[in-house]
C-alpha atoms as a PDB file:
ATOM      1  CA  MET A   1     -41.647  15.878   8.084  1.00  0.00           C
ATOM      2  CA  ALA A   2     -43.141  14.411  11.250  1.00  0.00           C
ATOM      3  CA  ASN A   3     -46.702  15.353  12.174  1.00  0.00           C
ATOM      4  CA  LYS A   4     -47.947  15.912  15.702  1.00  0.00           C
ATOM      5  CA  ILE A   5     -50.163  13.056  16.853  1.00  0.00           C
ATOM      6  CA  HIS A   6     -52.547  13.302  19.808  1.00  0.00           C
ATOM      7  CA  VAL A   7     -51.810   9.770  21.104  1.00  0.00           C
ATOM      8  CA  LYS A   8     -48.614   8.164  22.355  1.00  0.00           C
ATOM      9  CA  LYS A   9     -47.370   4.620  22.802  1.00  0.00           C
ATOM     10  CA  ASP A  10     -49.132   2.779  25.692  1.00  0.00           C
ATOM     11  CA  ASP A  11     -52.211   5.075  25.578  1.00  0.00           C
ATOM     12  CA  ASN A  12     -55.650   3.446  25.695  1.00  0.00           C
ATOM     13  CA  VAL A  13     -57.664   4.466  22.627  1.00  0.00           C
ATOM     14  CA  PHE A  14     -61.176   3.995  21.236  1.00  0.00           C
ATOM     15  CA  VAL A  15     -61.620   3.257  17.498  1.00  0.00           C
ATOM     16  CA  LEU A  16     -64.148   5.614  15.862  1.00  0.00           C
ATOM     17  CA  THR A  17     -64.501   4.302  12.292  1.00  0.00           C
ATOM     18  CA  GLY A  18     -63.742   1.302  10.127  1.00  0.00           C
ATOM     19  CA  LYS A  19     -64.393  -2.404  10.473  1.00  0.00           C
ATOM     20  CA  ASP A  20     -63.292  -2.360  14.126  1.00  0.00           C
ATOM     21  CA  SER A  21     -65.285   0.700  15.225  1.00  0.00           C
ATOM     22  CA  GLY A  22     -66.318   0.565  18.853  1.00  0.00           C
ATOM     23  CA  LYS A  23     -63.291  -1.465  19.964  1.00  0.00           C
ATOM     24  CA  SER A  24     -60.632  -0.157  22.280  1.00  0.00           C
ATOM     25  CA  GLY A  25     -57.058  -1.163  22.955  1.00  0.00           C
ATOM     26  CA  LYS A  26     -53.537  -0.090  23.802  1.00  0.00           C
ATOM     27  CA  VAL A  27     -51.355   1.742  21.275  1.00  0.00           C
ATOM     28  CA  LEU A  28     -48.372  -0.463  20.407  1.00  0.00           C
ATOM     29  CA  LEU A  29     -46.629   1.750  17.849  1.00  0.00           C
ATOM     30  CA  VAL A  30     -46.940   5.323  16.563  1.00  0.00           C
ATOM     31  CA  ASN A  31     -45.675   6.355  13.107  1.00  0.00           C
ATOM     32  CA  SER A  32     -45.726  10.155  13.041  1.00  0.00           C
ATOM     33  CA  ASP A  33     -44.406  10.336   9.457  1.00  0.00           C
ATOM     34  CA  LYS A  34     -47.490   8.559   8.061  1.00  0.00           C
ATOM     35  CA  SER A  35     -49.874   9.634  10.893  1.00  0.00           C
ATOM     36  CA  THR A  36     -50.745   6.026  11.712  1.00  0.00           C
ATOM     37  CA  VAL A  37     -50.954   3.960  14.876  1.00  0.00           C
ATOM     38  CA  ILE A  38     -51.006   0.224  15.590  1.00  0.00           C
ATOM     39  CA  VAL A  39     -53.570  -0.706  18.242  1.00  0.00           C
ATOM     40  CA  GLU A  40     -53.540  -4.032  20.100  1.00  0.00           C
ATOM     41  CA  GLY A  41     -56.231  -6.388  18.743  1.00  0.00           C
ATOM     42  CA  VAL A  42     -57.548  -3.911  16.139  1.00  0.00           C
ATOM     43  CA  ASN A  43     -57.374  -4.139  12.312  1.00  0.00           C
ATOM     44  CA  MET A  44     -56.037  -7.699  12.317  1.00  0.00           C
ATOM     45  CA  SER A  45     -54.574  -9.018   9.061  1.00  0.00           C
ATOM     46  CA  VAL A  46     -53.279 -12.407   7.935  1.00  0.00           C
ATOM     47  CA  LYS A  47     -49.689 -12.869   6.822  1.00  0.00           C
ATOM     48  CA  HIS A  48     -48.386 -16.064   5.217  1.00  0.00           C
ATOM     49  CA  GLN A  49     -44.842 -16.523   6.436  1.00  0.00           C
ATOM     50  CA  LYS A  50     -42.204 -18.817   4.944  1.00  0.00           C
ATOM     51  CA  PRO A  51     -39.775 -20.558   7.270  1.00  0.00           C
ATOM     52  CA  LYS A  52     -36.379 -18.885   7.382  1.00  0.00           C
ATOM     53  CA  GLY A  53     -33.668 -21.308   8.393  1.00  0.00           C
ATOM     54  CA  ARG A  54     -33.954 -24.880   9.606  1.00  0.00           C
ATOM     55  CA  ASN A  55     -35.360 -24.222  13.065  1.00  0.00           C
ATOM     56  CA  GLN A  56     -38.044 -21.646  12.254  1.00  0.00           C
ATOM     57  CA  GLN A  57     -41.525 -22.835  11.380  1.00  0.00           C
ATOM     58  CA  GLY A  58     -43.630 -21.217   8.670  1.00  0.00           C
ATOM     59  CA  GLY A  59     -47.371 -20.734   8.728  1.00  0.00           C
ATOM     60  CA  ILE A  60     -50.183 -18.223   8.925  1.00  0.00           C
ATOM     61  CA  VAL A  61     -49.546 -15.289  11.255  1.00  0.00           C
ATOM     62  CA  HIS A  62     -52.267 -12.926  12.506  1.00  0.00           C
ATOM     63  CA  GLN A  63     -50.948  -9.428  13.160  1.00  0.00           C
ATOM     64  CA  GLU A  64     -52.182  -5.878  13.708  1.00  0.00           C
ATOM     65  CA  SER A  65     -52.102  -3.464  10.774  1.00  0.00           C
ATOM     66  CA  PRO A  66     -51.748   0.315  11.062  1.00  0.00           C
ATOM     67  CA  ILE A  67     -54.796   2.587  11.076  1.00  0.00           C
ATOM     68  CA  SER A  68     -54.978   6.345  10.712  1.00  0.00           C
ATOM     69  CA  SER A  69     -54.478   8.294  13.923  1.00  0.00           C
ATOM     70  CA  SER A  70     -57.529  10.406  13.053  1.00  0.00           C
ATOM     71  CA  ASN A  71     -59.718   7.302  13.486  1.00  0.00           C
ATOM     72  CA  VAL A  72     -58.825   6.836  17.167  1.00  0.00           C
ATOM     73  CA  MET A  73     -59.679   8.844  20.273  1.00  0.00           C
ATOM     74  CA  LEU A  74     -57.831   8.806  23.576  1.00  0.00           C
ATOM     75  CA  VAL A  75     -59.669   7.228  26.542  1.00  0.00           C
ATOM     76  CA  CYS A  76     -59.213   9.326  29.693  1.00  0.00           C
ATOM     77  CA  ASP A  77     -58.109   7.380  32.782  1.00  0.00           C
ATOM     78  CA  LYS A  78     -60.125   9.623  35.104  1.00  0.00           C
ATOM     79  CA  CYS A  79     -63.538   9.833  33.374  1.00  0.00           C
ATOM     80  CA  LYS A  80     -63.197   6.486  31.466  1.00  0.00           C
ATOM     81  CA  ARG A  81     -64.604   7.807  28.181  1.00  0.00           C
ATOM     82  CA  PRO A  82     -63.182   8.823  24.796  1.00  0.00           C
ATOM     83  CA  THR A  83     -62.120  12.435  24.775  1.00  0.00           C
ATOM     84  CA  LYS A  84     -60.263  15.071  22.795  1.00  0.00           C
ATOM     85  CA  VAL A  85     -56.784  15.980  23.949  1.00  0.00           C
ATOM     86  CA  GLY A  86     -55.757  19.519  24.807  1.00  0.00           C
ATOM     87  CA  ARG A  87     -52.350  20.918  25.645  1.00  0.00           C
ATOM     88  CA  LYS A  88     -51.610  23.390  28.445  1.00  0.00           C
ATOM     89  CA  VAL A  89     -48.574  25.038  29.934  1.00  0.00           C
ATOM     90  CA  LEU A  90     -48.641  25.089  33.736  1.00  0.00           C
ATOM     91  CA  THR A  91     -47.401  28.029  35.807  1.00  0.00           C
ATOM     92  CA  SER A  92     -44.201  26.057  36.460  1.00  0.00           C
ATOM     93  CA  GLY A  93     -43.548  26.051  32.701  1.00  0.00           C
ATOM     94  CA  GLU A  94     -44.273  22.326  32.317  1.00  0.00           C
ATOM     95  CA  LYS A  95     -46.239  21.248  29.215  1.00  0.00           C
ATOM     96  CA  VAL A  96     -49.046  18.737  29.849  1.00  0.00           C
ATOM     97  CA  ARG A  97     -51.772  16.906  27.916  1.00  0.00           C
ATOM     98  CA  VAL A  98     -55.272  17.604  29.278  1.00  0.00           C
ATOM     99  CA  CYS A  99     -58.631  15.793  28.921  1.00  0.00           C
ATOM    100  CA  LYS A 100     -61.120  18.206  27.318  1.00  0.00           C
ATOM    101  CA  ALA A 101     -64.119  16.483  28.968  1.00  0.00           C
ATOM    102  CA  CYS A 102     -63.095  16.490  32.650  1.00  0.00           C
ATOM    103  CA  ASP A 103     -60.162  18.987  32.446  1.00  0.00           C
ATOM    104  CA  GLU A 104     -57.805  16.556  34.237  1.00  0.00           C
ATOM    105  CA  ILE A 105     -54.102  16.298  33.461  1.00  0.00           C
ATOM    106  CA  ILE A 106     -53.298  13.132  31.467  1.00  0.00           C
ATOM    107  CA  ASP A 107     -49.496  13.322  31.453  1.00  0.00           C
ATOM    108  CA  THR A 108     -46.558  15.536  30.632  1.00  0.00           C
ATOM    109  CA  VAL A 109     -45.595  16.158  27.025  1.00  0.00           C
ATOM    110  CA  SER A 110     -42.126  14.827  26.224  1.00  0.00           C
ATOM    111  CA  LYS A 111     -40.059  16.219  23.398  1.00  0.00           C
ATOM    112  CA  ALA A 112     -39.843  14.144  20.214  1.00  0.00           C
ATOM    113  CA  LYS A 113     -36.494  12.455  19.593  1.00  0.00           C
END
């Protein structure tokens, strides 16, 4: 069963714990089944890749590994600091994500596919 996650793809996040604490980056991928996210430039790992086919070259590849979504915090575009995310329903019936620090609307909540 898919869990609700407070961040979406293309959000800017701040890493709270782990070896990359204090770094920030853009969310590249969200896995709601495992409650993990992949953040650009965070939790880098090394993968040794064999060449597949004649034209592809093998070697050492550096890539991002998933981290728990509970270890990241959304960075608000308005107040430029890490913040908790709230959800509100406007009078028009539209559901939105809201910054808890400055009470500004972040974006609309889209339904999961």
